[in-house]
C-alpha cells in the first residue's frame, strides 16, 4: 500500500495539474461558487497569473494555482486556488499573505490592485476543521475585532460538492466524483465517462485524469505505465465499452479524413478557376465553395471549370440566391 504522505501529496499535485486546464477553472467559477459570489464574467478572458512572487525581503513565495479573468463590466479578478487533502490550521494566514503579495506587487509596478478570489479546494476524507476567519485565530479583545481581517478564503470541499447540484457532465462534477469515489469500479466508470465525453475536445485533461489514477488512486497496479496504458487497462474490464470506443475513434478518423479531403478539393478548384478565368471568378467560386460539403457538388463544380469557356459562363452557374444552376 502506498505511504499516506505520498498519497496526500499526490492528491495535491494532481489537483494542481487539473486546475491548470482553463475548462476546469471556467467550470469551477460557473458552477461551484455559492450563489451570488461572482458577478457575470467573461470566460474567454481566463489567463494564467504568475504563481511565483518575491516579497519585500526578496523571499520567493509560490501559490498553488493562480488565474486572472475579467468581469463583464471590465474589472479584473485574480483567482488563487490552494489544493489541500488535509486540513491546514494556518490557511487563513497563508491566504492573507498570498493576497497581500499580489497587491504589493501590483502597487510596486504602479498597477491598480485587482479583486482577489481566494479558494481552497479540499479533497480530504476528514472534515475540514480549519477556520476561515482571522478573528478566530488571533486572541483579540472585542474592541479591536473591527480591525482584524475576517473571512480569508472560500472553502470548496469535494465531498460536499459531490452531493450538490453540479451539472452532471461538467469537468468539476467529474473531478469531485473521482475524489469522492470509494470503490475501484466506480472510479473506472467515471474515467470511462470522462474519456468518452472529453477526449476529442480536451485530450490533455483526460490524460491528467489517467495520471491521477496511475499515481494516486491505483499506484501499485499501474506503476511505470503511461496514461494511455492506464486508460486501456480500465477499458479492458468492460470489453463492450472498449469496442465502442474503438468504433467511435474509427468513425471520427473517417470523418476527419473526409473533412480534410474536401477542404483540399475546394482549394484546388478555386486555384483552377482563378488560373482559367481570372481572379474575380476565382474569388466568387471560393465564396460559393465555402458552403459546399457534398462530394457530388464538388464534382459538379469541377465539371463547370472544364466545360465553361469564359468567366461570364461560369459565373452564370453560381446562384445569386438559392441553389446553383445545373
Protein backbone atom coordinates (compact mmCIF):
# COMPACT_ATOMS: atom_id res chain seq x y z
CA UNK A 1 0.00 0.00 0.00
CA UNK A 2 1.33 3.48 -0.86
CA UNK A 3 2.54 5.66 2.02
CA UNK A 4 -0.18 8.02 3.33
CA UNK A 5 2.09 11.06 2.91
CA UNK A 6 2.79 10.12 -0.72
CA UNK A 7 -0.95 9.71 -1.39
CA UNK A 8 -1.73 13.08 0.21
CA UNK A 9 0.99 14.86 -1.76
CA UNK A 10 -0.15 13.02 -4.88
CA UNK A 11 -3.71 14.34 -4.49
CA UNK A 12 -2.41 17.89 -4.08
CA UNK A 13 -0.09 17.56 -7.08
CA UNK A 14 -2.83 16.16 -9.33
CA UNK A 15 -5.25 18.89 -8.24
CA UNK A 16 -2.69 21.47 -9.36
CA UNK A 17 -2.43 19.76 -12.75
CA UNK A 18 -6.20 19.62 -13.20
CA UNK A 19 -6.65 23.29 -12.31
CA UNK A 20 -4.09 24.17 -14.95
CA UNK A 21 -6.84 23.44 -17.53
CA UNK A 22 -8.86 26.51 -18.48
CA UNK A 23 -12.03 24.41 -18.93
CA UNK A 24 -11.82 23.13 -15.34
CA UNK A 25 -11.34 26.65 -13.94
CA UNK A 26 -14.23 28.03 -16.02
CA UNK A 27 -16.46 25.20 -14.77
CA UNK A 28 -15.46 25.90 -11.15
CA UNK A 29 -16.30 29.61 -11.49
CA UNK A 30 -19.64 28.92 -13.17
CA UNK A 31 -20.93 26.05 -11.04
CA UNK A 32 -19.06 25.61 -7.74
CA UNK A 33 -19.22 29.00 -6.04
CA UNK A 34 -22.08 29.90 -3.70
CA UNK A 35 -24.87 31.72 -5.49
CA UNK A 36 -24.19 35.44 -5.72
CA UNK A 37 -20.44 35.15 -5.07
CA UNK A 38 -19.31 36.13 -8.55
CA UNK A 39 -20.98 38.56 -10.97
CA UNK A 40 -21.11 37.76 -14.68
CA UNK A 41 -17.62 37.11 -16.02
CA UNK A 42 -16.08 36.59 -19.44
CA UNK A 43 -14.68 33.04 -19.55
CA UNK A 44 -12.79 33.83 -22.77
CA UNK A 45 -10.55 36.20 -20.78
CA UNK A 46 -9.27 33.47 -18.41
CA UNK A 47 -5.48 33.52 -18.42
CA UNK A 48 -2.73 32.22 -16.15
CA UNK A 49 -1.46 34.59 -13.47
CA UNK A 50 2.15 34.37 -12.21
CA UNK A 51 2.32 31.98 -9.25
CA UNK A 52 5.79 33.00 -8.09
CA UNK A 53 6.27 36.29 -6.26
CA UNK A 54 9.20 37.86 -4.39
CA UNK A 55 8.31 39.76 -1.24
CA UNK A 56 9.96 42.96 0.04
CA UNK A 57 12.66 40.87 1.77
CA UNK A 58 13.45 39.09 -1.53
CA UNK A 59 11.92 35.85 -0.27
CA UNK A 60 10.42 33.72 -3.06
CA UNK A 61 6.86 32.55 -2.42
CA UNK A 62 4.67 30.42 -4.65
CA UNK A 63 0.91 29.90 -4.79
CA UNK A 64 -0.59 26.57 -5.89
CA UNK A 65 -2.68 27.82 -8.83
CA UNK A 66 -3.36 31.38 -10.00
CA UNK A 67 -5.57 32.65 -12.81
CA UNK A 68 -7.00 36.02 -13.74
CA UNK A 69 -10.10 37.00 -15.70
CA UNK A 70 -12.34 39.96 -16.44
CA UNK A 71 -15.82 40.65 -15.14
CA UNK A 72 -18.48 41.74 -17.60
CA UNK A 73 -18.08 45.37 -16.51
CA UNK A 74 -14.31 45.24 -17.09
CA UNK A 75 -12.92 44.77 -13.57
CA UNK A 76 -10.01 42.34 -13.24
CA UNK A 77 -10.17 39.40 -10.79
CA UNK A 78 -7.29 37.20 -9.65
CA UNK A 79 -8.30 33.65 -8.63
CA UNK A 80 -5.96 31.96 -6.14
CA UNK A 81 -6.56 28.23 -5.61
CA UNK A 82 -4.87 26.24 -2.86
CA UNK A 83 -5.23 22.45 -3.25
CA UNK A 84 -5.48 20.62 0.07
CA UNK A 85 -6.01 16.99 1.01
CA UNK A 86 -5.52 17.64 4.76
CA UNK A 87 -6.85 20.49 6.91
CA UNK A 88 -4.36 23.33 7.47
CA UNK A 89 -4.88 25.45 10.58
CA UNK A 90 -2.61 28.14 9.11
CA UNK A 91 -4.75 28.58 6.00
CA UNK A 92 -6.25 31.99 6.96
CA UNK A 93 -2.77 33.45 7.45
CA UNK A 94 -1.42 31.73 4.32
CA UNK A 95 -4.19 33.19 2.18
CA UNK A 96 -3.75 36.65 3.68
CA UNK A 97 -0.05 36.51 2.78
CA UNK A 98 -0.80 35.36 -0.78
CA UNK A 99 -3.36 38.14 -1.30
CA UNK A 100 -1.07 40.75 0.25
CA UNK A 101 1.81 39.80 -2.04
CA UNK A 102 -0.35 40.10 -5.15
CA UNK A 103 -1.49 43.57 -4.13
CA UNK A 104 2.02 44.60 -3.03
CA UNK A 105 3.44 43.53 -6.39
CA UNK A 106 0.73 45.48 -8.28
CA UNK A 107 1.40 48.65 -6.27
CA UNK A 108 5.15 48.29 -6.75
CA UNK A 109 4.59 48.17 -10.52
CA UNK A 110 2.21 51.11 -10.45
CA UNK A 111 -0.79 48.97 -11.40
CA UNK A 112 -4.30 49.03 -9.99
CA UNK A 113 -4.95 46.34 -7.41
CA UNK A 114 -7.30 43.60 -8.67
CA UNK A 115 -10.12 41.92 -6.83
CA UNK A 116 -8.82 38.63 -5.40
CA UNK A 117 -10.93 35.47 -5.06
CA UNK A 118 -9.07 33.06 -2.72
CA UNK A 119 -10.33 29.46 -2.88
CA UNK A 120 -9.29 26.29 -1.04
CA UNK A 121 -10.15 23.09 -2.91
CA UNK A 122 -10.21 20.27 -0.36
CA UNK A 123 -10.22 16.56 -1.25
CA UNK A 124 -9.53 15.01 2.16
CA UNK A 125 -11.61 12.31 3.82
CA UNK A 126 -11.66 14.02 7.23
CA UNK A 127 -13.89 17.01 7.88
CA UNK A 128 -12.20 20.35 7.22
CA UNK A 129 -11.79 21.87 10.69
CA UNK A 130 -9.53 24.83 9.96
CA UNK A 131 -11.21 28.21 10.38
CA UNK A 132 -11.51 30.73 7.55
CA UNK A 133 -11.65 33.86 9.72
CA UNK A 134 -8.55 35.55 11.21
CA UNK A 135 -10.63 36.86 14.12
CA UNK A 136 -10.87 33.22 15.26
CA UNK A 137 -7.09 32.79 15.07
CA UNK A 138 -5.97 35.97 16.80
CA UNK A 139 -6.64 36.39 20.53
CA UNK A 140 -8.27 39.76 20.07
CA UNK A 141 -10.19 41.94 22.56
CA UNK A 142 -13.73 42.79 21.40
CA UNK A 143 -12.92 46.46 20.77
CA UNK A 144 -10.30 45.59 18.16
CA UNK A 145 -12.29 42.96 16.25
CA UNK A 146 -13.25 45.50 13.57
CA UNK A 147 -9.55 45.86 12.71
CA UNK A 148 -8.98 42.14 12.22
CA UNK A 149 -9.44 40.67 8.74
CA UNK A 150 -12.47 38.43 8.59
CA UNK A 151 -13.17 35.68 6.03
CA UNK A 152 -9.88 34.92 4.26
CA UNK A 153 -10.86 32.25 1.75
CA UNK A 154 -13.74 30.30 0.25
CA UNK A 155 -13.70 26.55 1.01
CA UNK A 156 -14.77 24.13 -1.72
CA UNK A 157 -14.97 20.68 -0.14
CA UNK A 158 -15.04 17.95 -2.81
CA UNK A 159 -17.06 15.68 -0.52
CA UNK A 160 -19.79 18.29 -0.12
CA UNK A 161 -19.67 19.39 -3.77
CA UNK A 162 -20.19 15.76 -4.81
CA UNK A 163 -23.65 15.81 -3.28
CA UNK A 164 -24.62 19.23 -4.63
CA UNK A 165 -26.35 20.08 -7.90
CA UNK A 166 -23.33 20.40 -10.20
CA UNK A 167 -24.03 19.92 -13.91
CA UNK A 168 -23.79 16.18 -14.49
CA UNK A 169 -21.43 16.33 -17.47
CA UNK A 170 -19.18 19.16 -16.30
CA UNK A 171 -15.46 18.79 -15.62
CA UNK A 172 -15.79 19.78 -11.96
CA UNK A 173 -18.59 17.26 -11.40
CA UNK A 174 -16.32 14.56 -12.75
CA UNK A 175 -13.34 15.66 -10.63
CA UNK A 176 -15.27 15.74 -7.35
CA UNK A 177 -16.86 12.36 -8.11
CA UNK A 178 -13.42 10.82 -8.64
CA UNK A 179 -12.12 12.45 -5.46
CA UNK A 180 -15.10 11.06 -3.53
CA UNK A 181 -15.20 7.60 -5.15
CA UNK A 182 -14.80 4.81 -2.62
CA UNK A 183 -14.75 1.78 -4.94
CA UNK A 184 -12.46 0.82 -7.82
CA UNK A 185 -15.39 0.01 -10.13
CA UNK A 186 -16.89 3.46 -9.51
CA UNK A 187 -13.60 5.14 -10.43
CA UNK A 188 -13.38 3.06 -13.62
CA UNK A 189 -16.87 4.10 -14.62
CA UNK A 190 -16.10 7.80 -14.02
CA UNK A 191 -12.88 7.60 -16.05
CA UNK A 192 -14.71 5.92 -18.93
CA UNK A 193 -17.33 8.67 -18.94
CA UNK A 194 -14.59 11.31 -18.98
CA UNK A 195 -12.78 9.68 -21.85
CA UNK A 196 -15.90 9.42 -24.00
CA UNK A 197 -17.01 12.97 -23.18
CA UNK A 198 -13.75 14.92 -23.36
CA UNK A 199 -11.14 13.00 -25.40
CA UNK A 200 -11.76 14.97 -28.62
CA UNK A 201 -12.27 18.35 -27.00
CA UNK A 202 -9.61 18.24 -24.29
CA UNK A 203 -7.22 15.31 -24.56
CA UNK A 204 -4.74 16.84 -22.07
CA UNK A 205 -7.44 16.93 -19.38
CA UNK A 206 -8.21 13.22 -19.97
CA UNK A 207 -4.50 12.39 -19.79
CA UNK A 208 -4.23 14.11 -16.40
CA UNK A 209 -7.20 12.11 -15.09
CA UNK A 210 -5.35 8.95 -16.12
CA UNK A 211 -2.22 10.22 -14.34
CA UNK A 212 -4.36 10.70 -11.22
CA UNK A 213 -5.43 7.04 -11.41
CA UNK A 214 -1.87 5.87 -12.08
CA UNK A 215 -0.01 7.93 -9.45
CA UNK A 216 -2.56 8.29 -6.64
CA UNK A 217 -5.62 6.05 -6.83
CA UNK A 218 -4.02 2.77 -8.01
CA UNK A 219 -0.24 3.31 -7.81
CA UNK A 220 0.59 -0.37 -7.20
CA UNK A 221 -1.40 -1.52 -10.25
CA UNK A 222 -0.10 0.99 -12.80
CA UNK A 223 3.43 1.77 -11.67
CA UNK A 224 5.55 2.53 -14.74
CA UNK A 225 2.56 2.78 -17.11
CA UNK A 226 1.84 5.75 -19.33
CA UNK A 227 -1.64 7.36 -19.28
CA UNK A 228 -2.75 5.58 -22.47
CA UNK A 229 -1.95 2.19 -20.92
CA UNK A 230 -3.88 3.14 -17.79
CA UNK A 231 -6.92 4.09 -19.84
CA UNK A 232 -6.93 0.95 -21.98
CA UNK A 233 -6.47 -1.22 -18.89
CA UNK A 234 -9.59 0.37 -17.44
CA UNK A 235 -11.50 -0.34 -20.64
CA UNK A 236 -10.28 -3.95 -20.66
CA UNK A 237 -12.59 -4.58 -17.73
CA UNK A 238 -15.51 -3.54 -19.93
CA UNK A 239 -14.99 -5.12 -23.41
CA UNK A 240 -18.20 -3.67 -24.82
CA UNK A 241 -17.12 -0.16 -23.81
CA UNK A 242 -13.67 -0.71 -25.28
CA UNK A 243 -15.14 -1.82 -28.61
CA UNK A 244 -17.49 1.16 -28.60
CA UNK A 245 -14.52 3.48 -28.02
CA UNK A 246 -12.64 1.89 -30.92
CA UNK A 247 -15.62 2.20 -33.24
CA UNK A 248 -16.15 5.82 -32.25
CA UNK A 249 -12.48 6.53 -32.84
CA UNK A 250 -12.59 4.83 -36.24
CA UNK A 251 -15.66 6.84 -37.26
CA UNK A 252 -14.08 10.07 -36.07
CA UNK A 253 -10.98 9.26 -38.12
CA UNK A 254 -13.09 8.73 -41.26
CA UNK A 255 -14.95 11.99 -40.70
CA UNK A 256 -11.71 13.90 -40.13
CA UNK A 257 -10.13 12.46 -43.30
CA UNK A 258 -13.25 13.35 -45.32
CA UNK A 259 -13.22 16.88 -43.96
CA UNK A 260 -9.53 17.34 -44.85
CA UNK A 261 -10.01 15.91 -48.34
CA UNK A 262 -12.95 18.21 -49.09
CA UNK A 263 -11.02 21.25 -47.84
CA UNK A 264 -8.12 20.37 -50.15
CA UNK A 265 -10.54 19.82 -53.06
CA UNK A 266 -12.19 23.20 -52.54
CA UNK A 267 -8.79 24.89 -52.53
CA UNK A 268 -7.78 23.06 -55.74
CA UNK A 269 -10.97 24.05 -57.58
CA UNK A 270 -10.53 27.69 -56.54
CA UNK A 271 -6.96 27.70 -57.89
CA UNK A 272 -8.05 26.15 -61.20
CA UNK A 273 -10.88 28.68 -61.64
CA UNK A 274 -8.52 31.56 -60.92
CA UNK A 275 -5.95 30.34 -63.46
CA UNK A 276 -8.53 29.72 -66.21
CA UNK A 277 -10.99 32.60 -65.72
CA UNK A 278 -9.19 35.21 -63.62
CA UNK A 279 -9.15 36.46 -60.06
CA UNK A 280 -12.77 37.67 -59.97
CA UNK A 281 -14.19 34.29 -60.98
CA UNK A 282 -11.84 32.53 -58.54
CA UNK A 283 -12.98 34.66 -55.60
CA UNK A 284 -16.67 34.17 -56.48
CA UNK A 285 -16.20 30.41 -56.74
CA UNK A 286 -14.27 30.33 -53.44
CA UNK A 287 -17.16 32.09 -51.68
CA UNK A 288 -19.63 29.60 -53.18
CA UNK A 289 -17.49 26.57 -52.27
CA UNK A 290 -17.32 27.60 -48.59
CA UNK A 291 -20.87 26.20 -48.21
CA UNK A 292 -20.34 23.09 -50.38
CA UNK A 293 -19.80 19.91 -48.32
CA UNK A 294 -21.05 17.09 -50.56
CA UNK A 295 -18.70 15.18 -52.87
CA UNK A 296 -21.26 15.20 -55.73
CA UNK A 297 -21.47 19.00 -55.56
CA UNK A 298 -17.69 19.32 -55.67
CA UNK A 299 -17.58 17.07 -58.74
CA UNK A 300 -20.19 19.26 -60.44
CA UNK A 301 -18.06 22.37 -59.85
CA UNK A 302 -15.07 20.54 -61.33
CA UNK A 303 -17.15 19.87 -64.47
CA UNK A 304 -18.08 23.56 -64.70
CA UNK A 305 -14.42 24.56 -64.76
CA UNK A 306 -13.68 22.07 -67.53
CA UNK A 307 -16.77 22.82 -69.67
CA UNK A 308 -17.16 26.58 -69.33
CA UNK A 309 -15.27 28.80 -71.79
CA UNK A 310 -15.48 32.21 -70.14
CA UNK A 311 -15.76 33.98 -66.82
CA UNK A 312 -19.30 35.06 -67.69
CA UNK A 313 -20.33 31.47 -68.38
CA UNK A 314 -19.03 30.01 -65.11
CA UNK A 315 -20.40 32.93 -63.08
CA UNK A 316 -23.81 32.22 -64.58
CA UNK A 317 -23.68 28.82 -62.87
CA UNK A 318 -23.37 30.39 -59.43
CA UNK A 319 -26.52 31.28 -57.52
CA UNK A 320 -27.39 34.88 -56.89
CA UNK A 321 -29.75 33.41 -54.30
CA UNK A 322 -30.76 29.84 -53.72
CA UNK A 323 -29.46 26.67 -55.37
CA UNK A 324 -26.76 26.58 -58.01
CA UNK A 325 -27.80 26.19 -61.63
CA UNK A 326 -27.07 22.89 -63.33
